[in-house]
Amino acid sequence: MNMDTPPISDEKIASLKTLTTVIYALYAVSLFFGVTAIVAIVLNYIKREDAQGTWLESHFRWQIGTFWWSLLWVIVGAITWIILIGWIVWGVAGIWFIYRIAKGWLNLNDNKPMPVQ
């Protein structure tokens, strides 16, 4: 944190934590309604700067990384679907996605940052 930067208030942290919870929920719901992942990633990018310098910044990085890697694996699965490998790719990607959302949400609940990726 820069010495010129004023400390972030407890209210701001609480607000960011609530937003981060909502974003995890949007990603979780995207397993059933994919469009919520688009809403989540847009929120991640809009509010990412607000989280800079806080322990919540790591959650934003985690969520953004989860989105882009998941999108990549969904595309790879779609390309390889015709030769049946895509089903395996989608299955593994789905389990990985659920793990990432669960781990992030649990760390958020415990007020812990996410590990560096």
PDB file of N, CA and C in Angstrom:
ATOM      1  N   MET A   1       0.839  -1.168   0.000  1.00  0.00           N
ATOM      2  CA  MET A   1       0.000   0.000   0.000  1.00  0.00           C
ATOM      3  C   MET A   1       0.885   1.232   0.000  1.00  0.00           C
ATOM      4  N   ASN A   2       0.586   2.215  -0.822  1.00  0.00           N
ATOM      5  CA  ASN A   2       1.331   3.454  -0.931  1.00  0.00           C
ATOM      6  C   ASN A   2       1.094   4.295   0.323  1.00  0.00           C
ATOM      7  N   MET A   3       2.121   5.000   0.781  1.00  0.00           N
ATOM      8  CA  MET A   3       1.998   5.835   1.978  1.00  0.00           C
ATOM      9  C   MET A   3       1.027   6.992   1.745  1.00  0.00           C
ATOM     10  N   ASP A   4       0.852   7.428   0.499  1.00  0.00           N
ATOM     11  CA  ASP A   4      -0.057   8.521   0.179  1.00  0.00           C
ATOM     12  C   ASP A   4      -1.510   8.061   0.122  1.00  0.00           C
ATOM     13  N   THR A   5      -1.720   6.776   0.080  1.00  0.00           N
ATOM     14  CA  THR A   5      -3.063   6.229  -0.010  1.00  0.00           C
ATOM     15  C   THR A   5      -3.689   6.184   1.373  1.00  0.00           C
ATOM     16  N   PRO A   6      -4.874   6.806   1.512  1.00  0.00           N
ATOM     17  CA  PRO A   6      -5.523   6.739   2.822  1.00  0.00           C
ATOM     18  C   PRO A   6      -5.961   5.309   3.130  1.00  0.00           C
ATOM     19  N   PRO A   7      -6.022   4.956   4.417  1.00  0.00           N
ATOM     20  CA  PRO A   7      -6.455   3.601   4.761  1.00  0.00           C
ATOM     21  C   PRO A   7      -7.894   3.370   4.296  1.00  0.00           C
ATOM     22  N   ILE A   8      -8.187   2.133   3.978  1.00  0.00           N
ATOM     23  CA  ILE A   8      -9.516   1.776   3.514  1.00  0.00           C
ATOM     24  C   ILE A   8     -10.393   1.523   4.739  1.00  0.00           C
ATOM     25  N   SER A   9     -11.563   2.121   4.729  1.00  0.00           N
ATOM     26  CA  SER A   9     -12.444   2.030   5.888  1.00  0.00           C
ATOM     27  C   SER A   9     -13.035   0.634   6.035  1.00  0.00           C
ATOM     28  N   ASP A  10     -13.445   0.324   7.247  1.00  0.00           N
ATOM     29  CA  ASP A  10     -14.101  -0.952   7.520  1.00  0.00           C
ATOM     30  C   ASP A  10     -15.394  -1.079   6.719  1.00  0.00           C
ATOM     31  N   GLU A  11     -16.088   0.045   6.528  1.00  0.00           N
ATOM     32  CA  GLU A  11     -17.324   0.019   5.739  1.00  0.00           C
ATOM     33  C   GLU A  11     -17.044  -0.346   4.284  1.00  0.00           C
ATOM     34  N   LYS A  12     -15.944   0.178   3.749  1.00  0.00           N
ATOM     35  CA  LYS A  12     -15.565  -0.124   2.364  1.00  0.00           C
ATOM     36  C   LYS A  12     -15.208  -1.610   2.233  1.00  0.00           C
ATOM     37  N   ILE A  13     -14.468  -2.145   3.187  1.00  0.00           N
ATOM     38  CA  ILE A  13     -14.115  -3.573   3.179  1.00  0.00           C
ATOM     39  C   ILE A  13     -15.384  -4.415   3.263  1.00  0.00           C
ATOM     40  N   ALA A  14     -16.292  -4.050   4.150  1.00  0.00           N
ATOM     41  CA  ALA A  14     -17.545  -4.802   4.290  1.00  0.00           C
ATOM     42  C   ALA A  14     -18.344  -4.777   2.990  1.00  0.00           C
ATOM     43  N   SER A  15     -18.388  -3.620   2.343  1.00  0.00           N
ATOM     44  CA  SER A  15     -19.100  -3.490   1.070  1.00  0.00           C
ATOM     45  C   SER A  15     -18.454  -4.353  -0.015  1.00  0.00           C
ATOM     46  N   LEU A  16     -17.119  -4.323  -0.076  1.00  0.00           N
ATOM     47  CA  LEU A  16     -16.400  -5.147  -1.061  1.00  0.00           C
ATOM     48  C   LEU A  16     -16.583  -6.637  -0.775  1.00  0.00           C
ATOM     49  N   LYS A  17     -16.606  -7.006   0.506  1.00  0.00           N
ATOM     50  CA  LYS A  17     -16.814  -8.415   0.856  1.00  0.00           C
ATOM     51  C   LYS A  17     -18.202  -8.869   0.425  1.00  0.00           C
ATOM     52  N   THR A  18     -19.201  -8.028   0.623  1.00  0.00           N
ATOM     53  CA  THR A  18     -20.559  -8.357   0.180  1.00  0.00           C
ATOM     54  C   THR A  18     -20.598  -8.508  -1.331  1.00  0.00           C
ATOM     55  N   LEU A  19     -19.962  -7.579  -2.042  1.00  0.00           N
ATOM     56  CA  LEU A  19     -19.921  -7.668  -3.501  1.00  0.00           C
ATOM     57  C   LEU A  19     -19.211  -8.944  -3.948  1.00  0.00           C
ATOM     58  N   THR A  20     -18.125  -9.278  -3.301  1.00  0.00           N
ATOM     59  CA  THR A  20     -17.382 -10.489  -3.650  1.00  0.00           C
ATOM     60  C   THR A  20     -18.246 -11.724  -3.422  1.00  0.00           C
ATOM     61  N   THR A  21     -19.033 -11.728  -2.365  1.00  0.00           N
ATOM     62  CA  THR A  21     -19.968 -12.824  -2.103  1.00  0.00           C
ATOM     63  C   THR A  21     -20.996 -12.928  -3.227  1.00  0.00           C
ATOM     64  N   VAL A  22     -21.536 -11.794  -3.627  1.00  0.00           N
ATOM     65  CA  VAL A  22     -22.517 -11.775  -4.726  1.00  0.00           C
ATOM     66  C   VAL A  22     -21.889 -12.318  -6.011  1.00  0.00           C
ATOM     67  N   ILE A  23     -20.653 -11.939  -6.268  1.00  0.00           N
ATOM     68  CA  ILE A  23     -19.983 -12.405  -7.485  1.00  0.00           C
ATOM     69  C   ILE A  23     -19.765 -13.916  -7.434  1.00  0.00           C
ATOM     70  N   TYR A  24     -19.345 -14.448  -6.280  1.00  0.00           N
ATOM     71  CA  TYR A  24     -19.229 -15.911  -6.160  1.00  0.00           C
ATOM     72  C   TYR A  24     -20.580 -16.569  -6.407  1.00  0.00           C
ATOM     73  N   ALA A  25     -21.652 -15.986  -5.881  1.00  0.00           N
ATOM     74  CA  ALA A  25     -22.995 -16.540  -6.090  1.00  0.00           C
ATOM     75  C   ALA A  25     -23.368 -16.520  -7.574  1.00  0.00           C
ATOM     76  N   LEU A  26     -23.044 -15.436  -8.257  1.00  0.00           N
ATOM     77  CA  LEU A  26     -23.333 -15.352  -9.696  1.00  0.00           C
ATOM     78  C   LEU A  26     -22.574 -16.430 -10.465  1.00  0.00           C
ATOM     79  N   TYR A  27     -21.322 -16.652 -10.100  1.00  0.00           N
ATOM     80  CA  TYR A  27     -20.563 -17.720 -10.759  1.00  0.00           C
ATOM     81  C   TYR A  27     -21.177 -19.084 -10.456  1.00  0.00           C
ATOM     82  N   ALA A  28     -21.600 -19.309  -9.227  1.00  0.00           N
ATOM     83  CA  ALA A  28     -22.219 -20.593  -8.875  1.00  0.00           C
ATOM     84  C   ALA A  28     -23.514 -20.801  -9.664  1.00  0.00           C
ATOM     85  N   VAL A  29     -24.329 -19.780  -9.763  1.00  0.00           N
ATOM     86  CA  VAL A  29     -25.594 -19.877 -10.498  1.00  0.00           C
ATOM     87  C   VAL A  29     -25.340 -20.093 -11.997  1.00  0.00           C
ATOM     88  N   SER A  30     -24.175 -19.657 -12.465  1.00  0.00           N
ATOM     89  CA  SER A  30     -23.870 -19.814 -13.895  1.00  0.00           C
ATOM     90  C   SER A  30     -23.765 -21.282 -14.313  1.00  0.00           C
ATOM     91  N   LEU A  31     -23.647 -22.182 -13.347  1.00  0.00           N
ATOM     92  CA  LEU A  31     -23.668 -23.610 -13.680  1.00  0.00           C
ATOM     93  C   LEU A  31     -25.022 -24.005 -14.267  1.00  0.00           C
ATOM     94  N   PHE A  32     -26.063 -23.234 -13.940  1.00  0.00           N
ATOM     95  CA  PHE A  32     -27.415 -23.505 -14.429  1.00  0.00           C
ATOM     96  C   PHE A  32     -27.872 -22.477 -15.461  1.00  0.00           C
ATOM     97  N   PHE A  33     -27.464 -21.232 -15.268  1.00  0.00           N
ATOM     98  CA  PHE A  33     -27.816 -20.132 -16.172  1.00  0.00           C
ATOM     99  C   PHE A  33     -26.535 -19.393 -16.512  1.00  0.00           C
ATOM    100  N   GLY A  34     -25.895 -19.798 -17.592  1.00  0.00           N
ATOM    101  CA  GLY A  34     -24.561 -19.311 -17.938  1.00  0.00           C
ATOM    102  C   GLY A  34     -24.406 -17.805 -18.008  1.00  0.00           C
ATOM    103  N   VAL A  35     -25.478 -17.095 -18.299  1.00  0.00           N
ATOM    104  CA  VAL A  35     -25.381 -15.648 -18.468  1.00  0.00           C
ATOM    105  C   VAL A  35     -24.931 -14.947 -17.188  1.00  0.00           C
ATOM    106  N   THR A  36     -25.161 -15.530 -16.035  1.00  0.00           N
ATOM    107  CA  THR A  36     -24.747 -14.877 -14.790  1.00  0.00           C
ATOM    108  C   THR A  36     -23.226 -14.783 -14.672  1.00  0.00           C
ATOM    109  N   ALA A  37     -22.502 -15.642 -15.363  1.00  0.00           N
ATOM    110  CA  ALA A  37     -21.033 -15.539 -15.367  1.00  0.00           C
ATOM    111  C   ALA A  37     -20.602 -14.266 -16.081  1.00  0.00           C
ATOM    112  N   ILE A  38     -21.341 -13.859 -17.107  1.00  0.00           N
ATOM    113  CA  ILE A  38     -21.031 -12.613 -17.824  1.00  0.00           C
ATOM    114  C   ILE A  38     -21.246 -11.421 -16.881  1.00  0.00           C
ATOM    115  N   VAL A  39     -22.350 -11.439 -16.152  1.00  0.00           N
ATOM    116  CA  VAL A  39     -22.614 -10.372 -15.177  1.00  0.00           C
ATOM    117  C   VAL A  39     -21.484 -10.343 -14.140  1.00  0.00           C
ATOM    118  N   ALA A  40     -21.075 -11.507 -13.666  1.00  0.00           N
ATOM    119  CA  ALA A  40     -20.026 -11.593 -12.649  1.00  0.00           C
ATOM    120  C   ALA A  40     -18.698 -11.035 -13.155  1.00  0.00           C
ATOM    121  N   ILE A  41     -18.301 -11.408 -14.359  1.00  0.00           N
ATOM    122  CA  ILE A  41     -16.998 -10.941 -14.855  1.00  0.00           C
ATOM    123  C   ILE A  41     -17.026  -9.437 -15.109  1.00  0.00           C
ATOM    124  N   VAL A  42     -18.149  -8.917 -15.555  1.00  0.00           N
ATOM    125  CA  VAL A  42     -18.265  -7.466 -15.743  1.00  0.00           C
ATOM    126  C   VAL A  42     -18.117  -6.763 -14.392  1.00  0.00           C
ATOM    127  N   LEU A  43     -18.793  -7.268 -13.368  1.00  0.00           N
ATOM    128  CA  LEU A  43     -18.649  -6.686 -12.025  1.00  0.00           C
ATOM    129  C   LEU A  43     -17.210  -6.779 -11.532  1.00  0.00           C
ATOM    130  N   ASN A  44     -16.549  -7.916 -11.782  1.00  0.00           N
ATOM    131  CA  ASN A  44     -15.145  -8.071 -11.385  1.00  0.00           C
ATOM    132  C   ASN A  44     -14.288  -6.959 -11.976  1.00  0.00           C
ATOM    133  N   TYR A  45     -14.447  -6.707 -13.263  1.00  0.00           N
ATOM    134  CA  TYR A  45     -13.620  -5.697 -13.909  1.00  0.00           C
ATOM    135  C   TYR A  45     -13.997  -4.281 -13.494  1.00  0.00           C
ATOM    136  N   ILE A  46     -15.289  -4.020 -13.276  1.00  0.00           N
ATOM    137  CA  ILE A  46     -15.712  -2.681 -12.858  1.00  0.00           C
ATOM    138  C   ILE A  46     -15.190  -2.346 -11.463  1.00  0.00           C
ATOM    139  N   LYS A  47     -15.245  -3.292 -10.549  1.00  0.00           N
ATOM    140  CA  LYS A  47     -14.912  -3.030  -9.148  1.00  0.00           C
ATOM    141  C   LYS A  47     -13.497  -3.462  -8.748  1.00  0.00           C
ATOM    142  N   ARG A  48     -12.760  -4.019  -9.683  1.00  0.00           N
ATOM    143  CA  ARG A  48     -11.405  -4.510  -9.371  1.00  0.00           C
ATOM    144  C   ARG A  48     -10.517  -3.421  -8.775  1.00  0.00           C
ATOM    145  N   GLU A  49     -10.583  -2.241  -9.317  1.00  0.00           N
ATOM    146  CA  GLU A  49      -9.743  -1.149  -8.829  1.00  0.00           C
ATOM    147  C   GLU A  49     -10.078  -0.793  -7.378  1.00  0.00           C
ATOM    148  N   ASP A  50     -11.352  -0.880  -7.013  1.00  0.00           N
ATOM    149  CA  ASP A  50     -11.755  -0.588  -5.629  1.00  0.00           C
ATOM    150  C   ASP A  50     -11.142  -1.574  -4.640  1.00  0.00           C
ATOM    151  N   ALA A  51     -10.878  -2.786  -5.085  1.00  0.00           N
ATOM    152  CA  ALA A  51     -10.334  -3.822  -4.203  1.00  0.00           C
ATOM    153  C   ALA A  51      -8.812  -3.765  -4.101  1.00  0.00           C
ATOM    154  N   GLN A  52      -8.170  -2.971  -4.953  1.00  0.00           N
ATOM    155  CA  GLN A  52      -6.705  -2.914  -4.927  1.00  0.00           C
ATOM    156  C   GLN A  52      -6.200  -2.505  -3.556  1.00  0.00           C
ATOM    157  N   GLY A  53      -5.182  -3.205  -3.099  1.00  0.00           N
ATOM    158  CA  GLY A  53      -4.564  -2.904  -1.819  1.00  0.00           C
ATOM    159  C   GLY A  53      -5.262  -3.528  -0.622  1.00  0.00           C
ATOM    160  N   THR A  54      -6.290  -4.334  -0.892  1.00  0.00           N
ATOM    161  CA  THR A  54      -6.990  -5.019   0.197  1.00  0.00           C
ATOM    162  C   THR A  54      -6.806  -6.520   0.031  1.00  0.00           C
ATOM    163  N   TRP A  55      -7.137  -7.272   1.055  1.00  0.00           N
ATOM    164  CA  TRP A  55      -7.057  -8.734   0.964  1.00  0.00           C
ATOM    165  C   TRP A  55      -8.079  -9.267  -0.037  1.00  0.00           C
ATOM    166  N   LEU A  56      -9.081  -8.467  -0.353  1.00  0.00           N
ATOM    167  CA  LEU A  56     -10.100  -8.902  -1.317  1.00  0.00           C
ATOM    168  C   LEU A  56      -9.613  -8.835  -2.763  1.00  0.00           C
ATOM    169  N   GLU A  57      -8.541  -8.112  -3.004  1.00  0.00           N
ATOM    170  CA  GLU A  57      -7.976  -8.049  -4.349  1.00  0.00           C
ATOM    171  C   GLU A  57      -7.643  -9.451  -4.860  1.00  0.00           C
ATOM    172  N   SER A  58      -7.144 -10.302  -3.975  1.00  0.00           N
ATOM    173  CA  SER A  58      -6.792 -11.667  -4.380  1.00  0.00           C
ATOM    174  C   SER A  58      -8.032 -12.447  -4.796  1.00  0.00           C
ATOM    175  N   HIS A  59      -9.179 -12.173  -4.200  1.00  0.00           N
ATOM    176  CA  HIS A  59     -10.421 -12.849  -4.592  1.00  0.00           C
ATOM    177  C   HIS A  59     -10.854 -12.401  -5.982  1.00  0.00           C
ATOM    178  N   PHE A  60     -10.677 -11.125  -6.279  1.00  0.00           N
ATOM    179  CA  PHE A  60     -11.018 -10.640  -7.615  1.00  0.00           C
ATOM    180  C   PHE A  60     -10.128 -11.298  -8.662  1.00  0.00           C
ATOM    181  N   ARG A  61      -8.828 -11.400  -8.375  1.00  0.00           N
ATOM    182  CA  ARG A  61      -7.916 -12.100  -9.308  1.00  0.00           C
ATOM    183  C   ARG A  61      -8.340 -13.557  -9.466  1.00  0.00           C
ATOM    184  N   TRP A  62      -8.676 -14.205  -8.371  1.00  0.00           N
ATOM    185  CA  TRP A  62      -9.108 -15.613  -8.378  1.00  0.00           C
ATOM    186  C   TRP A  62     -10.362 -15.776  -9.244  1.00  0.00           C
ATOM    187  N   GLN A  63     -11.328 -14.900  -9.045  1.00  0.00           N
ATOM    188  CA  GLN A  63     -12.577 -14.984  -9.799  1.00  0.00           C
ATOM    189  C   GLN A  63     -12.350 -14.722 -11.290  1.00  0.00           C
ATOM    190  N   ILE A  64     -11.555 -13.720 -11.593  1.00  0.00           N
ATOM    191  CA  ILE A  64     -11.281 -13.397 -12.998  1.00  0.00           C
ATOM    192  C   ILE A  64     -10.537 -14.552 -13.654  1.00  0.00           C
ATOM    193  N   GLY A  65      -9.543 -15.108 -12.985  1.00  0.00           N
ATOM    194  CA  GLY A  65      -8.814 -16.257 -13.525  1.00  0.00           C
ATOM    195  C   GLY A  65      -9.719 -17.457 -13.723  1.00  0.00           C
ATOM    196  N   THR A  66     -10.611 -17.693 -12.760  1.00  0.00           N
ATOM    197  CA  THR A  66     -11.561 -18.799 -12.875  1.00  0.00           C
ATOM    198  C   THR A  66     -12.432 -18.632 -14.107  1.00  0.00           C
ATOM    199  N   PHE A  67     -12.926 -17.428 -14.336  1.00  0.00           N
ATOM    200  CA  PHE A  67     -13.775 -17.178 -15.507  1.00  0.00           C
ATOM    201  C   PHE A  67     -13.040 -17.478 -16.805  1.00  0.00           C
ATOM    202  N   TRP A  68     -11.861 -16.868 -16.987  1.00  0.00           N
ATOM    203  CA  TRP A  68     -11.160 -17.001 -18.271  1.00  0.00           C
ATOM    204  C   TRP A  68     -10.675 -18.426 -18.525  1.00  0.00           C
ATOM    205  N   TRP A  69     -10.163 -19.111 -17.503  1.00  0.00           N
ATOM    206  CA  TRP A  69      -9.738 -20.499 -17.702  1.00  0.00           C
ATOM    207  C   TRP A  69     -10.939 -21.399 -17.976  1.00  0.00           C
ATOM    208  N   SER A  70     -12.042 -21.142 -17.298  1.00  0.00           N
ATOM    209  CA  SER A  70     -13.253 -21.938 -17.544  1.00  0.00           C
ATOM    210  C   SER A  70     -13.748 -21.735 -18.968  1.00  0.00           C
ATOM    211  N   LEU A  71     -13.752 -20.488 -19.413  1.00  0.00           N
ATOM    212  CA  LEU A  71     -14.167 -20.207 -20.791  1.00  0.00           C
ATOM    213  C   LEU A  71     -13.273 -20.942 -21.784  1.00  0.00           C
ATOM    214  N   LEU A  72     -11.969 -20.921 -21.562  1.00  0.00           N
ATOM    215  CA  LEU A  72     -11.044 -21.640 -22.438  1.00  0.00           C
ATOM    216  C   LEU A  72     -11.396 -23.122 -22.501  1.00  0.00           C
ATOM    217  N   TRP A  73     -11.620 -23.748 -21.329  1.00  0.00           N
ATOM    218  CA  TRP A  73     -11.895 -25.184 -21.310  1.00  0.00           C
ATOM    219  C   TRP A  73     -13.264 -25.526 -21.878  1.00  0.00           C
ATOM    220  N   VAL A  74     -14.215 -24.626 -21.754  1.00  0.00           N
ATOM    221  CA  VAL A  74     -15.524 -24.840 -22.398  1.00  0.00           C
ATOM    222  C   VAL A  74     -15.354 -24.823 -23.918  1.00  0.00           C
ATOM    223  N   ILE A  75     -14.540 -23.911 -24.417  1.00  0.00           N
ATOM    224  CA  ILE A  75     -14.292 -23.835 -25.863  1.00  0.00           C
ATOM    225  C   ILE A  75     -13.535 -25.073 -26.347  1.00  0.00           C
ATOM    226  N   VAL A  76     -12.498 -25.467 -25.609  1.00  0.00           N
ATOM    227  CA  VAL A  76     -11.750 -26.687 -25.978  1.00  0.00           C
ATOM    228  C   VAL A  76     -12.688 -27.893 -25.973  1.00  0.00           C
ATOM    229  N   GLY A  77     -13.557 -27.984 -24.961  1.00  0.00           N
ATOM    230  CA  GLY A  77     -14.525 -29.071 -24.892  1.00  0.00           C
ATOM    231  C   GLY A  77     -15.472 -29.063 -26.078  1.00  0.00           C
ATOM    232  N   ALA A  78     -15.894 -27.877 -26.484  1.00  0.00           N
ATOM    233  CA  ALA A  78     -16.801 -27.771 -27.632  1.00  0.00           C
ATOM    234  C   ALA A  78     -16.114 -28.208 -28.917  1.00  0.00           C
ATOM    235  N   ILE A  79     -14.859 -27.822 -29.066  1.00  0.00           N
ATOM    236  CA  ILE A  79     -14.108 -28.192 -30.280  1.00  0.00           C
ATOM    237  C   ILE A  79     -13.875 -29.694 -30.346  1.00  0.00           C
ATOM    238  N   THR A  80     -13.631 -30.307 -29.201  1.00  0.00           N
ATOM    239  CA  THR A  80     -13.318 -31.741 -29.173  1.00  0.00           C
ATOM    240  C   THR A  80     -14.541 -32.611 -28.865  1.00  0.00           C
ATOM    241  N   TRP A  81     -15.696 -32.007 -28.759  1.00  0.00           N
ATOM    242  CA  TRP A  81     -16.931 -32.730 -28.452  1.00  0.00           C
ATOM    243  C   TRP A  81     -17.231 -33.808 -29.485  1.00  0.00           C
ATOM    244  N   ILE A  82     -16.997 -33.505 -30.725  1.00  0.00           N
ATOM    245  CA  ILE A  82     -17.333 -34.430 -31.814  1.00  0.00           C
ATOM    246  C   ILE A  82     -16.561 -35.744 -31.700  1.00  0.00           C
ATOM    247  N   ILE A  83     -15.374 -35.699 -31.110  1.00  0.00           N
ATOM    248  CA  ILE A  83     -14.603 -36.939 -30.950  1.00  0.00           C
ATOM    249  C   ILE A  83     -14.703 -37.485 -29.527  1.00  0.00           C
ATOM    250  N   LEU A  84     -15.699 -37.009 -28.807  1.00  0.00           N
ATOM    251  CA  LEU A  84     -16.065 -37.473 -27.468  1.00  0.00           C
ATOM    252  C   LEU A  84     -15.111 -37.045 -26.352  1.00  0.00           C
ATOM    253  N   ILE A  85     -13.946 -36.559 -26.676  1.00  0.00           N
ATOM    254  CA  ILE A  85     -13.018 -36.081 -25.642  1.00  0.00           C
ATOM    255  C   ILE A  85     -13.602 -34.848 -24.961  1.00  0.00           C
ATOM    256  N   GLY A  86     -14.382 -34.095 -25.700  1.00  0.00           N
ATOM    257  CA  GLY A  86     -14.989 -32.878 -25.160  1.00  0.00           C
ATOM    258  C   GLY A  86     -15.825 -33.123 -23.922  1.00  0.00           C
ATOM    259  N   TRP A  87     -16.498 -34.256 -23.863  1.00  0.00           N
ATOM    260  CA  TRP A  87     -17.302 -34.580 -22.681  1.00  0.00           C
ATOM    261  C   TRP A  87     -16.424 -34.699 -21.440  1.00  0.00           C
ATOM    262  N   ILE A  88     -15.256 -35.304 -21.615  1.00  0.00           N
ATOM    263  CA  ILE A  88     -14.315 -35.439 -20.495  1.00  0.00           C
ATOM    264  C   ILE A  88     -13.779 -34.066 -20.105  1.00  0.00           C
ATOM    265  N   VAL A  89     -13.429 -33.266 -21.118  1.00  0.00           N
ATOM    266  CA  VAL A  89     -12.929 -31.912 -20.860  1.00  0.00           C
ATOM    267  C   VAL A  89     -13.976 -31.117 -20.088  1.00  0.00           C
ATOM    268  N   TRP A  90     -15.231 -31.165 -20.526  1.00  0.00           N
ATOM    269  CA  TRP A  90     -16.302 -30.441 -19.841  1.00  0.00           C
ATOM    270  C   TRP A  90     -16.488 -30.949 -18.411  1.00  0.00           C
ATOM    271  N   GLY A  91     -16.415 -32.250 -18.218  1.00  0.00           N
ATOM    272  CA  GLY A  91     -16.579 -32.809 -16.876  1.00  0.00           C
ATOM    273  C   GLY A  91     -15.495 -32.354 -15.924  1.00  0.00           C
ATOM    274  N   VAL A  92     -14.251 -32.447 -16.385  1.00  0.00           N
ATOM    275  CA  VAL A  92     -13.121 -32.017 -15.546  1.00  0.00           C
ATOM    276  C   VAL A  92     -13.199 -30.507 -15.300  1.00  0.00           C
ATOM    277  N   ALA A  93     -13.512 -29.748 -16.336  1.00  0.00           N
ATOM    278  CA  ALA A  93     -13.618 -28.294 -16.188  1.00  0.00           C
ATOM    279  C   ALA A  93     -14.740 -27.929 -15.210  1.00  0.00           C
ATOM    280  N   GLY A  94     -15.835 -28.652 -15.257  1.00  0.00           N
ATOM    281  CA  GLY A  94     -16.944 -28.392 -14.336  1.00  0.00           C
ATOM    282  C   GLY A  94     -16.562 -28.642 -12.893  1.00  0.00           C
ATOM    283  N   ILE A  95     -15.872 -29.744 -12.660  1.00  0.00           N
ATOM    284  CA  ILE A  95     -15.414 -30.059 -11.292  1.00  0.00           C
ATOM    285  C   ILE A  95     -14.413 -29.013 -10.815  1.00  0.00           C
ATOM    286  N   TRP A  96     -13.492 -28.624 -11.697  1.00  0.00           N
ATOM    287  CA  TRP A  96     -12.497 -27.597 -11.368  1.00  0.00           C
ATOM    288  C   TRP A  96     -13.185 -26.275 -11.041  1.00  0.00           C
ATOM    289  N   PHE A  97     -14.186 -25.898 -11.829  1.00  0.00           N
ATOM    290  CA  PHE A  97     -14.927 -24.657 -11.618  1.00  0.00           C
ATOM    291  C   PHE A  97     -15.619 -24.674 -10.245  1.00  0.00           C
ATOM    292  N   ILE A  98     -16.291 -25.779  -9.942  1.00  0.00           N
ATOM    293  CA  ILE A  98     -16.973 -25.909  -8.643  1.00  0.00           C
ATOM    294  C   ILE A  98     -15.956 -25.803  -7.502  1.00  0.00           C
ATOM    295  N   TYR A  99     -14.818 -26.456  -7.647  1.00  0.00           N
ATOM    296  CA  TYR A  99     -13.754 -26.378  -6.638  1.00  0.00           C
ATOM    297  C   TYR A  99     -13.312 -24.929  -6.430  1.00  0.00           C
ATOM    298  N   ARG A 100     -13.081 -24.211  -7.523  1.00  0.00           N
ATOM    299  CA  ARG A 100     -12.595 -22.833  -7.431  1.00  0.00           C
ATOM    300  C   ARG A 100     -13.607 -21.924  -6.739  1.00  0.00           C
ATOM    301  N   ILE A 101     -14.872 -22.090  -7.081  1.00  0.00           N
ATOM    302  CA  ILE A 101     -15.904 -21.259  -6.457  1.00  0.00           C
ATOM    303  C   ILE A 101     -16.022 -21.618  -4.973  1.00  0.00           C
ATOM    304  N   ALA A 102     -16.040 -22.905  -4.651  1.00  0.00           N
ATOM    305  CA  ALA A 102     -16.163 -23.333  -3.250  1.00  0.00           C
ATOM    306  C   ALA A 102     -14.963 -22.865  -2.426  1.00  0.00           C
ATOM    307  N   LYS A 103     -13.756 -23.066  -2.941  1.00  0.00           N
ATOM    308  CA  LYS A 103     -12.551 -22.662  -2.201  1.00  0.00           C
ATOM    309  C   LYS A 103     -12.536 -21.153  -1.986  1.00  0.00           C
ATOM    310  N   GLY A 104     -12.855 -20.409  -3.010  1.00  0.00           N
ATOM    311  CA  GLY A 104     -12.878 -18.953  -2.883  1.00  0.00           C
ATOM    312  C   GLY A 104     -13.913 -18.489  -1.875  1.00  0.00           C
ATOM    313  N   TRP A 105     -15.112 -19.055  -1.972  1.00  0.00           N
ATOM    314  CA  TRP A 105     -16.188 -18.667  -1.068  1.00  0.00           C
ATOM    315  C   TRP A 105     -15.839 -19.000   0.383  1.00  0.00           C
ATOM    316  N   LEU A 106     -15.249 -20.166   0.607  1.00  0.00           N
ATOM    317  CA  LEU A 106     -14.846 -20.549   1.961  1.00  0.00           C
ATOM    318  C   LEU A 106     -13.756 -19.625   2.506  1.00  0.00           C
ATOM    319  N   ASN A 107     -12.769 -19.302   1.682  1.00  0.00           N
ATOM    320  CA  ASN A 107     -11.725 -18.370   2.129  1.00  0.00           C
ATOM    321  C   ASN A 107     -12.316 -16.992   2.417  1.00  0.00           C
ATOM    322  N   LEU A 108     -13.244 -16.557   1.575  1.00  0.00           N
ATOM    323  CA  LEU A 108     -13.896 -15.272   1.796  1.00  0.00           C
ATOM    324  C   LEU A 108     -14.644 -15.286   3.130  1.00  0.00           C
ATOM    325  N   ASN A 109     -15.353 -16.350   3.396  1.00  0.00           N
ATOM    326  CA  ASN A 109     -16.102 -16.483   4.639  1.00  0.00           C
ATOM    327  C   ASN A 109     -15.178 -16.411   5.864  1.00  0.00           C
ATOM    328  N   ASP A 110     -13.950 -16.928   5.710  1.00  0.00           N
ATOM    329  CA  ASP A 110     -12.967 -16.910   6.798  1.00  0.00           C
ATOM    330  C   ASP A 110     -12.078 -15.672   6.794  1.00  0.00           C
ATOM    331  N   ASN A 111     -12.415 -14.704   5.931  1.00  0.00           N
ATOM    332  CA  ASN A 111     -11.627 -13.461   5.792  1.00  0.00           C
ATOM    333  C   ASN A 111     -10.178 -13.734   5.414  1.00  0.00           C
ATOM    334  N   LYS A 112      -9.959 -14.725   4.568  1.00  0.00           N
ATOM    335  CA  LYS A 112      -8.616 -15.088   4.115  1.00  0.00           C
ATOM    336  C   LYS A 112      -8.458 -14.698   2.638  1.00  0.00           C
ATOM    337  N   PRO A 113      -7.283 -14.214   2.259  1.00  0.00           N
ATOM    338  CA  PRO A 113      -7.023 -13.973   0.843  1.00  0.00           C
ATOM    339  C   PRO A 113      -6.825 -15.291   0.104  1.00  0.00           C
ATOM    340  N   MET A 114      -6.910 -15.211  -1.205  1.00  0.00           N
ATOM    341  CA  MET A 114      -6.655 -16.379  -2.034  1.00  0.00           C
ATOM    342  C   MET A 114      -5.159 -16.473  -2.312  1.00  0.00           C
ATOM    343  N   PRO A 115      -4.665 -17.696  -2.522  1.00  0.00           N
ATOM    344  CA  PRO A 115      -3.226 -17.837  -2.827  1.00  0.00           C
ATOM    345  C   PRO A 115      -2.905 -17.194  -4.176  1.00  0.00           C
ATOM    346  N   VAL A 116      -1.661 -16.792  -4.322  1.00  0.00           N
ATOM    347  CA  VAL A 116      -1.208 -16.218  -5.580  1.00  0.00           C
ATOM    348  C   VAL A 116      -1.251 -17.298  -6.637  1.00  0.00           C
ATOM    349  N   GLN A 117      -1.742 -16.940  -7.803  1.00  0.00           N
ATOM    350  CA  GLN A 117      -1.870 -17.920  -8.898  1.00  0.00           C
ATOM    351  C   GLN A 117      -0.617 -17.978  -9.720  1.00  0.00           C
TER     352      GLN A 117
END
